[in-house]
Amino acid sequence: MQISVNDRWARFIADEMASGGFDSPDGVVAEALNLLLAQREQLQSLRAMVQASLAEGGDLSDGELDLLLKAEMDRMVQTAQ
């Protein structure tokens, strides 16, 4: 499979390889996809926890839930970096 990326991502991939962290563009893309998958799985888990809490009588508003999810996503992004 071949993919095309814009100049920004091409520079990012080149920088990651130059730093010695990866031997090939494939390695950079594979790591990025692994991080994306992990982030999505964590978000699903968090949503399930929130839904379970609500089912047990929790009373978060939609706005409070959005803030909670955003804060958790921000935390996950910081952890992944």
PDB file of N, CA and C in Angstrom:
ATOM      1  N   MET A   1       0.848  -1.169   0.000  1.00  0.00           N
ATOM      2  CA  MET A   1       0.000   0.000   0.000  1.00  0.00           C
ATOM      3  C   MET A   1       0.895   1.234   0.000  1.00  0.00           C
ATOM      4  N   GLN A   2       0.523   2.203  -0.765  1.00  0.00           N
ATOM      5  CA  GLN A   2       1.235   3.467  -0.772  1.00  0.00           C
ATOM      6  C   GLN A   2       0.300   4.559  -0.269  1.00  0.00           C
ATOM      7  N   ILE A   3       0.873   5.505   0.454  1.00  0.00           N
ATOM      8  CA  ILE A   3       0.090   6.644   0.908  1.00  0.00           C
ATOM      9  C   ILE A   3       0.819   7.919   0.525  1.00  0.00           C
ATOM     10  N   SER A   4       0.065   8.980   0.397  1.00  0.00           N
ATOM     11  CA  SER A   4       0.641  10.291   0.132  1.00  0.00           C
ATOM     12  C   SER A   4       0.364  11.174   1.332  1.00  0.00           C
ATOM     13  N   VAL A   5       1.343  12.003   1.685  1.00  0.00           N
ATOM     14  CA  VAL A   5       1.172  12.940   2.790  1.00  0.00           C
ATOM     15  C   VAL A   5       1.569  14.329   2.308  1.00  0.00           C
ATOM     16  N   ASN A   6       1.029  15.342   2.998  1.00  0.00           N
ATOM     17  CA  ASN A   6       1.393  16.698   2.616  1.00  0.00           C
ATOM     18  C   ASN A   6       2.795  17.019   3.142  1.00  0.00           C
ATOM     19  N   ASP A   7       3.284  18.201   2.782  1.00  0.00           N
ATOM     20  CA  ASP A   7       4.650  18.578   3.150  1.00  0.00           C
ATOM     21  C   ASP A   7       4.881  18.578   4.656  1.00  0.00           C
ATOM     22  N   ARG A   8       3.878  18.990   5.407  1.00  0.00           N
ATOM     23  CA  ARG A   8       4.016  19.017   6.864  1.00  0.00           C
ATOM     24  C   ARG A   8       4.331  17.636   7.408  1.00  0.00           C
ATOM     25  N   TRP A   9       3.561  16.642   6.976  1.00  0.00           N
ATOM     26  CA  TRP A   9       3.763  15.290   7.478  1.00  0.00           C
ATOM     27  C   TRP A   9       5.027  14.666   6.921  1.00  0.00           C
ATOM     28  N   ALA A  10       5.380  15.010   5.702  1.00  0.00           N
ATOM     29  CA  ALA A  10       6.633  14.501   5.128  1.00  0.00           C
ATOM     30  C   ALA A  10       7.823  14.995   5.950  1.00  0.00           C
ATOM     31  N   ARG A  11       7.788  16.285   6.360  1.00  0.00           N
ATOM     32  CA  ARG A  11       8.858  16.826   7.213  1.00  0.00           C
ATOM     33  C   ARG A  11       8.860  16.134   8.580  1.00  0.00           C
ATOM     34  N   PHE A  12       7.674  15.930   9.128  1.00  0.00           N
ATOM     35  CA  PHE A  12       7.582  15.261  10.427  1.00  0.00           C
ATOM     36  C   PHE A  12       8.193  13.865  10.355  1.00  0.00           C
ATOM     37  N   ILE A  13       7.832  13.114   9.321  1.00  0.00           N
ATOM     38  CA  ILE A  13       8.360  11.758   9.153  1.00  0.00           C
ATOM     39  C   ILE A  13       9.873  11.795   8.997  1.00  0.00           C
ATOM     40  N   ALA A  14      10.361  12.721   8.182  1.00  0.00           N
ATOM     41  CA  ALA A  14      11.807  12.852   7.981  1.00  0.00           C
ATOM     42  C   ALA A  14      12.511  13.206   9.289  1.00  0.00           C
ATOM     43  N   ASP A  15      11.925  14.107  10.060  1.00  0.00           N
ATOM     44  CA  ASP A  15      12.509  14.495  11.351  1.00  0.00           C
ATOM     45  C   ASP A  15      12.551  13.318  12.319  1.00  0.00           C
ATOM     46  N   GLU A  16      11.465  12.544  12.354  1.00  0.00           N
ATOM     47  CA  GLU A  16      11.426  11.378  13.239  1.00  0.00           C
ATOM     48  C   GLU A  16      12.492  10.360  12.851  1.00  0.00           C
ATOM     49  N   MET A  17      12.693  10.165  11.564  1.00  0.00           N
ATOM     50  CA  MET A  17      13.721   9.235  11.104  1.00  0.00           C
ATOM     51  C   MET A  17      15.112   9.784  11.414  1.00  0.00           C
ATOM     52  N   ALA A  18      15.300  11.086  11.218  1.00  0.00           N
ATOM     53  CA  ALA A  18      16.598  11.704  11.471  1.00  0.00           C
ATOM     54  C   ALA A  18      16.971  11.646  12.949  1.00  0.00           C
ATOM     55  N   SER A  19      15.964  11.676  13.817  1.00  0.00           N
ATOM     56  CA  SER A  19      16.238  11.626  15.252  1.00  0.00           C
ATOM     57  C   SER A  19      16.684  10.233  15.702  1.00  0.00           C
ATOM     58  N   GLY A  20      16.574   9.273  14.799  1.00  0.00           N
ATOM     59  CA  GLY A  20      17.015   7.919  15.105  1.00  0.00           C
ATOM     60  C   GLY A  20      15.946   7.032  15.705  1.00  0.00           C
ATOM     61  N   GLY A  21      14.741   7.561  15.839  1.00  0.00           N
ATOM     62  CA  GLY A  21      13.682   6.770  16.447  1.00  0.00           C
ATOM     63  C   GLY A  21      13.083   5.731  15.518  1.00  0.00           C
ATOM     64  N   PHE A  22      13.236   5.947  14.222  1.00  0.00           N
ATOM     65  CA  PHE A  22      12.621   5.049  13.245  1.00  0.00           C
ATOM     66  C   PHE A  22      13.577   4.828  12.084  1.00  0.00           C
ATOM     67  N   ASP A  23      13.503   3.624  11.519  1.00  0.00           N
ATOM     68  CA  ASP A  23      14.359   3.275  10.387  1.00  0.00           C
ATOM     69  C   ASP A  23      13.725   3.587   9.041  1.00  0.00           C
ATOM     70  N   SER A  24      12.390   3.772   9.040  1.00  0.00           N
ATOM     71  CA  SER A  24      11.700   3.963   7.769  1.00  0.00           C
ATOM     72  C   SER A  24      10.425   4.768   7.984  1.00  0.00           C
ATOM     73  N   PRO A  25       9.893   5.337   6.898  1.00  0.00           N
ATOM     74  CA  PRO A  25       8.601   6.012   7.011  1.00  0.00           C
ATOM     75  C   PRO A  25       7.512   5.066   7.500  1.00  0.00           C
ATOM     76  N   ASP A  26       7.605   3.802   7.106  1.00  0.00           N
ATOM     77  CA  ASP A  26       6.609   2.819   7.536  1.00  0.00           C
ATOM     78  C   ASP A  26       6.550   2.727   9.054  1.00  0.00           C
ATOM     79  N   GLY A  27       7.697   2.789   9.699  1.00  0.00           N
ATOM     80  CA  GLY A  27       7.737   2.713  11.157  1.00  0.00           C
ATOM     81  C   GLY A  27       7.048   3.891  11.813  1.00  0.00           C
ATOM     82  N   VAL A  28       7.251   5.084  11.256  1.00  0.00           N
ATOM     83  CA  VAL A  28       6.614   6.283  11.797  1.00  0.00           C
ATOM     84  C   VAL A  28       5.101   6.184  11.650  1.00  0.00           C
ATOM     85  N   VAL A  29       4.652   5.787  10.475  1.00  0.00           N
ATOM     86  CA  VAL A  29       3.209   5.680  10.223  1.00  0.00           C
ATOM     87  C   VAL A  29       2.597   4.580  11.082  1.00  0.00           C
ATOM     88  N   ALA A  30       3.281   3.450  11.223  1.00  0.00           N
ATOM     89  CA  ALA A  30       2.757   2.358  12.049  1.00  0.00           C
ATOM     90  C   ALA A  30       2.613   2.811  13.499  1.00  0.00           C
ATOM     91  N   GLU A  31       3.590   3.536  14.026  1.00  0.00           N
ATOM     92  CA  GLU A  31       3.500   4.027  15.411  1.00  0.00           C
ATOM     93  C   GLU A  31       2.352   5.014  15.562  1.00  0.00           C
ATOM     94  N   ALA A  32       2.184   5.890  14.585  1.00  0.00           N
ATOM     95  CA  ALA A  32       1.078   6.853  14.639  1.00  0.00           C
ATOM     96  C   ALA A  32      -0.267   6.136  14.630  1.00  0.00           C
ATOM     97  N   LEU A  33      -0.397   5.126  13.806  1.00  0.00           N
ATOM     98  CA  LEU A  33      -1.653   4.374  13.756  1.00  0.00           C
ATOM     99  C   LEU A  33      -1.893   3.605  15.050  1.00  0.00           C
ATOM    100  N   ASN A  34      -0.832   3.052  15.635  1.00  0.00           N
ATOM    101  CA  ASN A  34      -0.975   2.370  16.921  1.00  0.00           C
ATOM    102  C   ASN A  34      -1.446   3.336  18.006  1.00  0.00           C
ATOM    103  N   LEU A  35      -0.892   4.551  18.022  1.00  0.00           N
ATOM    104  CA  LEU A  35      -1.314   5.555  18.994  1.00  0.00           C
ATOM    105  C   LEU A  35      -2.765   5.963  18.775  1.00  0.00           C
ATOM    106  N   LEU A  36      -3.163   6.123  17.521  1.00  0.00           N
ATOM    107  CA  LEU A  36      -4.545   6.473  17.212  1.00  0.00           C
ATOM    108  C   LEU A  36      -5.491   5.378  17.684  1.00  0.00           C
ATOM    109  N   LEU A  37      -5.149   4.144  17.420  1.00  0.00           N
ATOM    110  CA  LEU A  37      -5.981   3.021  17.854  1.00  0.00           C
ATOM    111  C   LEU A  37      -6.076   2.980  19.379  1.00  0.00           C
ATOM    112  N   ALA A  38      -4.963   3.149  20.068  1.00  0.00           N
ATOM    113  CA  ALA A  38      -4.972   3.133  21.532  1.00  0.00           C
ATOM    114  C   ALA A  38      -5.824   4.269  22.080  1.00  0.00           C
ATOM    115  N   GLN A  39      -5.725   5.427  21.460  1.00  0.00           N
ATOM    116  CA  GLN A  39      -6.516   6.569  21.905  1.00  0.00           C
ATOM    117  C   GLN A  39      -8.005   6.297  21.736  1.00  0.00           C
ATOM    118  N   ARG A  40      -8.377   5.728  20.615  1.00  0.00           N
ATOM    119  CA  ARG A  40      -9.793   5.406  20.378  1.00  0.00           C
ATOM    120  C   ARG A  40     -10.292   4.358  21.361  1.00  0.00           C
ATOM    121  N   GLU A  41      -9.466   3.373  21.651  1.00  0.00           N
ATOM    122  CA  GLU A  41      -9.860   2.337  22.609  1.00  0.00           C
ATOM    123  C   GLU A  41     -10.028   2.933  24.003  1.00  0.00           C
ATOM    124  N   GLN A  42      -9.137   3.847  24.387  1.00  0.00           N
ATOM    125  CA  GLN A  42      -9.251   4.496  25.691  1.00  0.00           C
ATOM    126  C   GLN A  42     -10.509   5.356  25.759  1.00  0.00           C
ATOM    127  N   LEU A  43     -10.815   6.032  24.679  1.00  0.00           N
ATOM    128  CA  LEU A  43     -12.015   6.859  24.649  1.00  0.00           C
ATOM    129  C   LEU A  43     -13.271   5.994  24.761  1.00  0.00           C
ATOM    130  N   GLN A  44     -13.291   4.871  24.068  1.00  0.00           N
ATOM    131  CA  GLN A  44     -14.429   3.952  24.177  1.00  0.00           C
ATOM    132  C   GLN A  44     -14.587   3.464  25.608  1.00  0.00           C
ATOM    133  N   SER A  45     -13.473   3.141  26.234  1.00  0.00           N
ATOM    134  CA  SER A  45     -13.505   2.681  27.615  1.00  0.00           C
ATOM    135  C   SER A  45     -14.029   3.767  28.540  1.00  0.00           C
ATOM    136  N   LEU A  46     -13.583   4.981  28.334  1.00  0.00           N
ATOM    137  CA  LEU A  46     -14.051   6.096  29.149  1.00  0.00           C
ATOM    138  C   LEU A  46     -15.541   6.326  28.952  1.00  0.00           C
ATOM    139  N   ARG A  47     -15.999   6.281  27.717  1.00  0.00           N
ATOM    140  CA  ARG A  47     -17.429   6.448  27.456  1.00  0.00           C
ATOM    141  C   ARG A  47     -18.239   5.351  28.140  1.00  0.00           C
ATOM    142  N   ALA A  48     -17.732   4.129  28.108  1.00  0.00           N
ATOM    143  CA  ALA A  48     -18.438   3.019  28.761  1.00  0.00           C
ATOM    144  C   ALA A  48     -18.506   3.251  30.270  1.00  0.00           C
ATOM    145  N   MET A  49     -17.418   3.743  30.863  1.00  0.00           N
ATOM    146  CA  MET A  49     -17.417   4.023  32.299  1.00  0.00           C
ATOM    147  C   MET A  49     -18.426   5.110  32.641  1.00  0.00           C
ATOM    148  N   VAL A  50     -18.470   6.148  31.816  1.00  0.00           N
ATOM    149  CA  VAL A  50     -19.419   7.237  32.060  1.00  0.00           C
ATOM    150  C   VAL A  50     -20.849   6.723  31.930  1.00  0.00           C
ATOM    151  N   GLN A  51     -21.115   5.943  30.893  1.00  0.00           N
ATOM    152  CA  GLN A  51     -22.460   5.402  30.700  1.00  0.00           C
ATOM    153  C   GLN A  51     -22.856   4.501  31.869  1.00  0.00           C
ATOM    154  N   ALA A  52     -21.918   3.691  32.358  1.00  0.00           N
ATOM    155  CA  ALA A  52     -22.215   2.824  33.502  1.00  0.00           C
ATOM    156  C   ALA A  52     -22.522   3.667  34.734  1.00  0.00           C
ATOM    157  N   SER A  53     -21.766   4.745  34.915  1.00  0.00           N
ATOM    158  CA  SER A  53     -22.010   5.636  36.051  1.00  0.00           C
ATOM    159  C   SER A  53     -23.391   6.273  35.945  1.00  0.00           C
ATOM    160  N   LEU A  54     -23.743   6.707  34.758  1.00  0.00           N
ATOM    161  CA  LEU A  54     -25.058   7.311  34.557  1.00  0.00           C
ATOM    162  C   LEU A  54     -26.166   6.294  34.792  1.00  0.00           C
ATOM    163  N   ALA A  55     -25.949   5.072  34.365  1.00  0.00           N
ATOM    164  CA  ALA A  55     -26.950   4.029  34.552  1.00  0.00           C
ATOM    165  C   ALA A  55     -27.155   3.713  36.039  1.00  0.00           C
ATOM    166  N   GLU A  56     -26.110   3.964  36.836  1.00  0.00           N
ATOM    167  CA  GLU A  56     -26.206   3.720  38.276  1.00  0.00           C
ATOM    168  C   GLU A  56     -26.732   4.945  39.026  1.00  0.00           C
ATOM    169  N   GLY A  57     -27.166   5.947  38.295  1.00  0.00           N
ATOM    170  CA  GLY A  57     -27.761   7.101  38.949  1.00  0.00           C
ATOM    171  C   GLY A  57     -26.933   8.360  38.916  1.00  0.00           C
ATOM    172  N   GLY A  58     -25.824   8.342  38.207  1.00  0.00           N
ATOM    173  CA  GLY A  58     -25.030   9.566  38.064  1.00  0.00           C
ATOM    174  C   GLY A  58     -25.857  10.617  37.348  1.00  0.00           C
ATOM    175  N   ASP A  59     -25.526  11.861  37.546  1.00  0.00           N
ATOM    176  CA  ASP A  59     -26.357  12.906  36.952  1.00  0.00           C
ATOM    177  C   ASP A  59     -25.528  13.997  36.275  1.00  0.00           C
ATOM    178  N   LEU A  60     -24.667  13.599  35.372  1.00  0.00           N
ATOM    179  CA  LEU A  60     -23.899  14.566  34.600  1.00  0.00           C
ATOM    180  C   LEU A  60     -24.759  15.135  33.485  1.00  0.00           C
ATOM    181  N   SER A  61     -24.655  16.434  33.289  1.00  0.00           N
ATOM    182  CA  SER A  61     -25.322  17.039  32.137  1.00  0.00           C
ATOM    183  C   SER A  61     -24.488  16.758  30.894  1.00  0.00           C
ATOM    184  N   ASP A  62     -25.061  16.998  29.724  1.00  0.00           N
ATOM    185  CA  ASP A  62     -24.309  16.806  28.484  1.00  0.00           C
ATOM    186  C   ASP A  62     -23.059  17.683  28.474  1.00  0.00           C
ATOM    187  N   GLY A  63     -23.198  18.913  28.952  1.00  0.00           N
ATOM    188  CA  GLY A  63     -22.052  19.822  28.995  1.00  0.00           C
ATOM    189  C   GLY A  63     -20.962  19.325  29.918  1.00  0.00           C
ATOM    190  N   GLU A  64     -21.342  18.825  31.091  1.00  0.00           N
ATOM    191  CA  GLU A  64     -20.366  18.286  32.034  1.00  0.00           C
ATOM    192  C   GLU A  64     -19.685  17.045  31.465  1.00  0.00           C
ATOM    193  N   LEU A  65     -20.453  16.219  30.778  1.00  0.00           N
ATOM    194  CA  LEU A  65     -19.896  15.030  30.153  1.00  0.00           C
ATOM    195  C   LEU A  65     -18.903  15.414  29.058  1.00  0.00           C
ATOM    196  N   ASP A  66     -19.255  16.395  28.246  1.00  0.00           N
ATOM    197  CA  ASP A  66     -18.342  16.865  27.204  1.00  0.00           C
ATOM    198  C   ASP A  66     -17.038  17.370  27.803  1.00  0.00           C
ATOM    199  N   LEU A  67     -17.127  18.133  28.897  1.00  0.00           N
ATOM    200  CA  LEU A  67     -15.925  18.649  29.553  1.00  0.00           C
ATOM    201  C   LEU A  67     -15.072  17.514  30.112  1.00  0.00           C
ATOM    202  N   LEU A  68     -15.721  16.525  30.706  1.00  0.00           N
ATOM    203  CA  LEU A  68     -15.003  15.375  31.243  1.00  0.00           C
ATOM    204  C   LEU A  68     -14.280  14.611  30.136  1.00  0.00           C
ATOM    205  N   LEU A  69     -14.980  14.369  29.048  1.00  0.00           N
ATOM    206  CA  LEU A  69     -14.369  13.647  27.926  1.00  0.00           C
ATOM    207  C   LEU A  69     -13.218  14.439  27.323  1.00  0.00           C
ATOM    208  N   LYS A  70     -13.380  15.748  27.165  1.00  0.00           N
ATOM    209  CA  LYS A  70     -12.311  16.579  26.612  1.00  0.00           C
ATOM    210  C   LYS A  70     -11.092  16.564  27.522  1.00  0.00           C
ATOM    211  N   ALA A  71     -11.309  16.672  28.823  1.00  0.00           N
ATOM    212  CA  ALA A  71     -10.196  16.651  29.766  1.00  0.00           C
ATOM    213  C   ALA A  71      -9.458  15.316  29.705  1.00  0.00           C
ATOM    214  N   GLU A  72     -10.202  14.229  29.606  1.00  0.00           N
ATOM    215  CA  GLU A  72      -9.576  12.910  29.533  1.00  0.00           C
ATOM    216  C   GLU A  72      -8.825  12.745  28.215  1.00  0.00           C
ATOM    217  N   MET A  73      -9.391  13.220  27.123  1.00  0.00           N
ATOM    218  CA  MET A  73      -8.698  13.148  25.832  1.00  0.00           C
ATOM    219  C   MET A  73      -7.409  13.963  25.879  1.00  0.00           C
ATOM    220  N   ASP A  74      -7.474  15.156  26.461  1.00  0.00           N
ATOM    221  CA  ASP A  74      -6.267  15.988  26.593  1.00  0.00           C
ATOM    222  C   ASP A  74      -5.199  15.254  27.411  1.00  0.00           C
ATOM    223  N   ARG A  75      -5.637  14.596  28.491  1.00  0.00           N
ATOM    224  CA  ARG A  75      -4.703  13.845  29.322  1.00  0.00           C
ATOM    225  C   ARG A  75      -4.065  12.693  28.531  1.00  0.00           C
ATOM    226  N   MET A  76      -4.876  12.006  27.731  1.00  0.00           N
ATOM    227  CA  MET A  76      -4.355  10.889  26.939  1.00  0.00           C
ATOM    228  C   MET A  76      -3.356  11.373  25.894  1.00  0.00           C
ATOM    229  N   VAL A  77      -3.651  12.513  25.289  1.00  0.00           N
ATOM    230  CA  VAL A  77      -2.728  13.056  24.289  1.00  0.00           C
ATOM    231  C   VAL A  77      -1.405  13.424  24.947  1.00  0.00           C
ATOM    232  N   GLN A  78      -1.463  14.054  26.108  1.00  0.00           N
ATOM    233  CA  GLN A  78      -0.245  14.421  26.831  1.00  0.00           C
ATOM    234  C   GLN A  78       0.551  13.181  27.218  1.00  0.00           C
ATOM    235  N   THR A  79      -0.142  12.130  27.625  1.00  0.00           N
ATOM    236  CA  THR A  79       0.511  10.891  28.016  1.00  0.00           C
ATOM    237  C   THR A  79       1.188  10.234  26.819  1.00  0.00           C
ATOM    238  N   ALA A  80       0.557  10.331  25.656  1.00  0.00           N
ATOM    239  CA  ALA A  80       1.101   9.702  24.449  1.00  0.00           C
ATOM    240  C   ALA A  80       2.326  10.428  23.922  1.00  0.00           C
ATOM    241  N   GLN A  81       2.468  11.697  24.277  1.00  0.00           N
ATOM    242  CA  GLN A  81       3.612  12.464  23.769  1.00  0.00           C
ATOM    243  C   GLN A  81       4.775  12.185  24.621  1.00  0.00           C
TER     244      GLN A  81
END
